[in-house]
Amino acid sequence: MTKRRKLYEGKAKILYQGPQPGTLVQYFKDDATAFNAQKKGNIAGKGVLNNLISEKIFSGLETIGVPTHFIKRANMREQLVKKVEIIPLEVIIRNVVAGSMAKRLGLEEGMELDRSIIEFSYKDDALGDPLVAAEHALALGWVSDDELDQITAMAFRINDFMCGLFAGIGIRLVDFKLEFGLSVDENGEEVIILAD
């Protein structure tokens, strides 16, 4: 068995060089973190479940036309994914007041929102992924106007799909984070795809 080259290790995943150019192998760890990795633990089998859930969600999103980095599940803990250049924004969709939003605004957890909210944070663990306005992302050159419009439209489309998926099994989707990346399509054009 050949040893793979580790390219990156995050809180929940490890990325290895893929078998073909432009691909990566994504390994799901059993590590669990909360409060921006201030609390850490290990849950046996978490990586296996995350891999299977991820496959289900990414496959479903592809069927409704949302481009993703997912290629296929390789085994119980790994996926083959497209290599992307990550845009340094975490995109947060909120359907219900909870967590940092409740704390930041002094609102009651669980309060229903009249409509879903999109927030952005700068993807930087050392800074604690600070909340930023869309204007920051544009002024600092992290995205163009068109890219931000695409990301926003995709994020709300993903939210609609995910709310329906989870409602079907009796789960209310409170909030979640997304990450997008730049990839090159089969025509050599740079495109934005969902990468986490």
Protein backbone atom coordinates (compact mmCIF):
# COMPACT_ATOMS: atom_id res chain seq x y z
CA MET A 1 0.00 0.00 0.00
CA THR A 2 1.41 3.39 -0.97
CA LYS A 3 1.65 6.11 1.62
CA ARG A 4 -0.42 9.16 0.77
CA ARG A 5 0.87 12.69 1.22
CA LYS A 6 -1.06 14.62 3.87
CA LEU A 7 -1.82 18.13 2.66
CA TYR A 8 -3.98 19.54 5.46
CA GLU A 9 -5.49 18.56 8.78
CA GLY A 10 -8.47 20.40 10.21
CA LYS A 11 -10.76 19.89 13.19
CA ALA A 12 -12.88 17.19 11.54
CA LYS A 13 -11.03 16.08 8.39
CA ILE A 14 -7.66 15.30 6.89
CA LEU A 15 -6.96 15.99 3.21
CA TYR A 16 -4.54 13.78 1.28
CA GLN A 17 -3.21 14.07 -2.24
CA GLY A 18 -5.67 12.32 -4.57
CA PRO A 19 -5.01 9.52 -7.03
CA GLN A 20 -5.57 11.76 -10.08
CA PRO A 21 -4.51 15.37 -10.72
CA GLY A 22 -7.10 17.81 -9.39
CA THR A 23 -8.42 15.38 -6.76
CA LEU A 24 -8.03 14.93 -3.02
CA VAL A 25 -8.91 12.17 -0.59
CA GLN A 26 -10.89 13.54 2.34
CA TYR A 27 -10.67 11.47 5.55
CA PHE A 28 -13.34 12.00 8.25
CA LYS A 29 -11.98 11.95 11.81
CA ASP A 30 -13.81 10.96 15.00
CA ASP A 31 -12.75 14.23 16.64
CA ALA A 32 -15.51 16.53 17.88
CA THR A 33 -15.08 20.22 18.63
CA ALA A 34 -17.33 22.99 19.87
CA PHE A 35 -17.01 26.72 20.48
CA ASN A 36 -14.37 27.17 17.77
CA ALA A 37 -12.34 24.17 19.04
CA GLN A 38 -12.24 25.40 22.65
CA LYS A 39 -13.96 22.13 23.64
CA LYS A 40 -12.55 18.93 22.17
CA GLY A 41 -13.46 15.29 22.37
CA ASN A 42 -13.63 12.06 20.42
CA ILE A 43 -16.79 10.18 19.44
CA ALA A 44 -16.22 6.65 18.15
CA GLY A 45 -17.72 6.23 14.67
CA LYS A 46 -18.41 9.94 14.13
CA GLY A 47 -16.19 10.04 11.04
CA VAL A 48 -18.04 7.13 9.45
CA LEU A 49 -21.43 8.78 10.06
CA ASN A 50 -20.18 12.16 8.83
CA ASN A 51 -18.90 10.53 5.64
CA LEU A 52 -22.23 8.81 4.95
CA ILE A 53 -24.30 11.92 5.77
CA SER A 54 -21.99 14.08 3.65
CA GLU A 55 -22.36 11.69 0.70
CA LYS A 56 -26.17 11.81 1.00
CA ILE A 57 -26.29 15.61 1.16
CA PHE A 58 -23.75 16.27 -1.61
CA SER A 59 -25.40 13.71 -3.92
CA GLY A 60 -28.80 15.30 -3.30
CA LEU A 61 -27.48 18.80 -3.95
CA GLU A 62 -25.93 17.66 -7.24
CA THR A 63 -29.35 16.36 -8.36
CA ILE A 64 -30.84 19.86 -7.93
CA GLY A 65 -27.99 21.52 -9.83
CA VAL A 66 -25.75 22.73 -6.98
CA PRO A 67 -22.15 22.05 -8.03
CA THR A 68 -20.04 20.45 -5.28
CA HIS A 69 -16.54 19.08 -4.77
CA PHE A 70 -17.91 15.57 -4.09
CA ILE A 71 -16.90 12.87 -6.60
CA LYS A 72 -17.62 9.63 -4.73
CA ARG A 73 -17.39 7.88 -1.39
CA ALA A 74 -14.20 5.79 -1.45
CA ASN A 75 -14.84 3.76 1.72
CA MET A 76 -16.50 4.14 5.10
CA ARG A 77 -14.25 7.05 6.16
CA GLU A 78 -13.06 8.63 2.92
CA GLN A 79 -14.35 10.53 -0.07
CA LEU A 80 -12.73 11.40 -3.36
CA VAL A 81 -13.26 15.14 -3.92
CA LYS A 82 -12.26 17.82 -6.41
CA LYS A 83 -9.37 20.03 -5.39
CA VAL A 84 -10.52 23.63 -4.93
CA GLU A 85 -9.07 26.96 -3.93
CA ILE A 86 -11.09 27.76 -0.80
CA ILE A 87 -12.65 31.22 -0.64
CA PRO A 88 -11.74 32.59 2.82
CA LEU A 89 -15.37 33.05 3.89
CA GLU A 90 -17.54 30.87 6.07
CA VAL A 91 -21.14 31.30 4.97
CA ILE A 92 -23.63 30.90 7.81
CA ILE A 93 -27.33 30.35 7.19
CA ARG A 94 -29.62 30.89 10.17
CA ASN A 95 -33.24 29.73 10.23
CA VAL A 96 -33.76 30.06 14.00
CA VAL A 97 -32.07 32.31 16.59
CA ALA A 98 -29.38 30.29 18.39
CA GLY A 99 -25.76 30.25 19.48
CA SER A 100 -23.63 33.29 18.78
CA MET A 101 -26.51 35.19 17.19
CA ALA A 102 -28.60 34.89 20.36
CA LYS A 103 -25.66 35.96 22.51
CA ARG A 104 -24.55 38.79 20.21
CA LEU A 105 -28.03 40.32 19.91
CA GLY A 106 -29.44 39.40 23.32
CA LEU A 107 -32.22 37.31 21.76
CA GLU A 108 -33.92 34.22 23.09
CA GLU A 109 -32.62 30.92 21.70
CA GLY A 110 -35.19 29.14 19.56
CA MET A 111 -36.93 32.30 18.37
CA GLU A 112 -38.31 31.78 14.85
CA LEU A 113 -37.05 34.17 12.20
CA ASP A 114 -39.41 35.74 9.66
CA ARG A 115 -36.91 34.69 6.98
CA SER A 116 -33.56 32.94 6.80
CA ILE A 117 -30.46 35.07 7.40
CA ILE A 118 -27.08 34.81 5.71
CA GLU A 119 -23.94 35.86 7.58
CA PHE A 120 -20.27 35.75 6.62
CA SER A 121 -17.19 35.22 8.72
CA TYR A 122 -13.53 35.46 7.76
CA LYS A 123 -12.10 31.95 7.72
CA ASP A 124 -9.17 32.29 10.11
CA ASP A 125 -8.95 30.04 13.19
CA ALA A 126 -6.28 32.23 14.82
CA LEU A 127 -8.69 35.18 14.77
CA GLY A 128 -11.70 33.08 15.82
CA ASP A 129 -13.41 33.31 12.39
CA PRO A 130 -14.69 36.88 12.97
CA LEU A 131 -18.03 37.99 11.55
CA VAL A 132 -17.59 40.28 8.52
CA ALA A 133 -19.94 42.21 6.27
CA ALA A 134 -20.28 41.37 2.59
CA GLU A 135 -18.54 44.72 1.96
CA HIS A 136 -15.41 43.42 3.71
CA ALA A 137 -15.27 40.42 1.36
CA LEU A 138 -15.64 42.68 -1.67
CA ALA A 139 -13.28 45.45 -0.55
CA LEU A 140 -10.56 42.99 0.48
CA GLY A 141 -10.80 41.09 -2.82
CA TRP A 142 -11.88 37.76 -1.34
CA VAL A 143 -14.74 37.62 -3.88
CA SER A 144 -16.11 39.68 -6.76
CA ASP A 145 -19.68 41.05 -6.83
CA ASP A 146 -20.70 38.25 -9.20
CA GLU A 147 -19.06 35.56 -7.04
CA LEU A 148 -20.77 36.89 -3.90
CA ASP A 149 -24.13 36.86 -5.71
CA GLN A 150 -23.52 33.25 -6.80
CA ILE A 151 -22.50 32.18 -3.29
CA THR A 152 -25.55 33.85 -1.75
CA ALA A 153 -27.95 32.28 -4.26
CA MET A 154 -26.38 28.84 -3.80
CA ALA A 155 -26.44 29.16 0.00
CA PHE A 156 -30.18 29.87 0.06
CA ARG A 157 -30.84 27.07 -2.45
CA ILE A 158 -28.84 24.68 -0.27
CA ASN A 159 -30.82 25.86 2.76
CA ASP A 160 -34.14 25.11 1.03
CA PHE A 161 -32.94 21.62 0.13
CA MET A 162 -31.50 20.92 3.60
CA CYS A 163 -34.59 22.21 5.45
CA GLY A 164 -36.76 19.85 3.39
CA LEU A 165 -34.37 16.92 3.79
CA PHE A 166 -34.19 17.26 7.56
CA ALA A 167 -37.88 18.10 8.02
CA GLY A 168 -38.58 14.78 6.30
CA ILE A 169 -36.95 12.97 9.23
CA GLY A 170 -38.35 15.25 11.93
CA ILE A 171 -35.33 17.54 12.43
CA ARG A 172 -35.61 21.35 12.44
CA LEU A 173 -32.55 22.87 10.79
CA VAL A 174 -31.49 25.72 13.07
CA ASP A 175 -28.29 26.93 11.35
CA PHE A 176 -25.23 25.65 9.51
CA LYS A 177 -21.98 26.78 7.88
CA LEU A 178 -20.87 26.37 4.30
CA GLU A 179 -17.57 26.87 2.52
CA PHE A 180 -17.16 27.48 -1.19
CA GLY A 181 -14.17 27.14 -3.45
CA LEU A 182 -12.98 27.93 -6.94
CA SER A 183 -12.54 25.00 -9.29
CA VAL A 184 -11.92 24.58 -13.00
CA ASP A 185 -14.70 22.91 -15.01
CA GLU A 186 -14.34 20.62 -18.04
CA ASN A 187 -14.19 23.70 -20.33
CA GLY A 188 -11.29 25.20 -18.39
CA GLU A 189 -13.55 27.87 -16.85
CA GLU A 190 -13.21 28.86 -13.21
CA VAL A 191 -16.41 28.08 -11.28
CA ILE A 192 -17.62 28.35 -7.69
CA ILE A 193 -18.59 25.06 -6.05
CA LEU A 194 -19.67 23.97 -2.59
CA ALA A 195 -16.66 22.52 -0.78
CA ASP A 196 -17.80 21.96 2.83
